[in-house]
Amino acid sequence: MCLVCIAFASWVLRSADPMAADTWKAALLANVSAISAIQYLRRYVVKRREAGDLNDSTADET
């Protein structure tokens, strides 16, 4: 799902006409999609870390 949001945001920005008056809408849509993808990834990492699936390399160095 995350990659779909990023791909969609990339497509929107590539296909938008930079001289059109609606360019801000395309940029807003792309930014919202990217932020949603980042939030999803952060939640996924936190859930995996809480479950003990990810090793925190900085904690092992002490």
Protein backbone atom coordinates (compact mmCIF):
# COMPACT_ATOMS: atom_id res chain seq x y z
CA MET A 1 0.00 0.00 0.00
CA CYS A 2 2.82 2.32 0.88
CA LEU A 3 4.54 1.84 -2.46
CA VAL A 4 1.26 2.48 -4.26
CA CYS A 5 0.94 5.87 -2.52
CA ILE A 6 4.50 6.82 -3.45
CA ALA A 7 4.04 5.67 -7.05
CA PHE A 8 0.78 7.59 -7.31
CA ALA A 9 2.38 10.75 -5.93
CA SER A 10 5.23 10.43 -8.41
CA TRP A 11 2.82 9.93 -11.31
CA VAL A 12 0.71 12.93 -10.30
CA LEU A 13 3.73 15.21 -10.23
CA ARG A 14 5.07 13.96 -13.54
CA SER A 15 1.76 14.25 -15.34
CA ALA A 16 0.82 17.67 -13.97
CA ASP A 17 1.27 20.69 -16.23
CA PRO A 18 3.59 23.07 -14.37
CA MET A 19 2.07 26.09 -16.11
CA ALA A 20 -1.53 25.24 -15.19
CA ALA A 21 -3.37 27.02 -12.41
CA ASP A 22 -4.20 23.69 -10.74
CA THR A 23 -0.58 22.68 -10.14
CA TRP A 24 -0.93 23.31 -6.41
CA LYS A 25 -3.65 20.64 -6.26
CA ALA A 26 -1.35 18.04 -7.79
CA ALA A 27 1.47 18.98 -5.43
CA LEU A 28 -0.87 18.83 -2.43
CA LEU A 29 -2.15 15.41 -3.45
CA ALA A 30 1.39 14.12 -3.93
CA ASN A 31 2.49 15.45 -0.54
CA VAL A 32 -0.50 13.95 1.26
CA SER A 33 0.18 10.58 -0.38
CA ALA A 34 3.85 10.70 0.57
CA ILE A 35 3.07 11.69 4.17
CA SER A 36 0.54 8.87 4.44
CA ALA A 37 3.11 6.39 3.20
CA ILE A 38 5.71 7.64 5.69
CA GLN A 39 3.24 7.41 8.57
CA TYR A 40 2.31 3.88 7.54
CA LEU A 41 5.97 2.82 7.46
CA ARG A 42 6.66 4.36 10.86
CA ARG A 43 3.69 2.55 12.41
CA TYR A 44 4.81 -0.69 10.78
CA VAL A 45 8.33 -0.37 12.18
CA VAL A 46 7.04 0.43 15.68
CA LYS A 47 4.73 -2.59 15.64
CA ARG A 48 7.54 -4.86 14.47
CA ARG A 49 9.90 -3.47 17.08
CA GLU A 50 7.34 -3.99 19.85
CA ALA A 51 6.82 -7.54 18.69
CA GLY A 52 10.59 -8.11 18.86
CA ASP A 53 11.00 -8.79 15.15
CA LEU A 54 13.49 -5.99 14.52
CA ASN A 55 16.89 -5.84 16.15
CA ASP A 56 17.98 -2.39 17.26
CA SER A 57 21.69 -2.31 16.40
CA THR A 58 22.34 0.81 18.50
CA ALA A 59 21.06 -0.89 21.67
CA ASP A 60 23.41 -3.86 21.15
CA GLU A 61 26.54 -1.69 21.02
CA THR A 62 26.42 -0.58 24.67
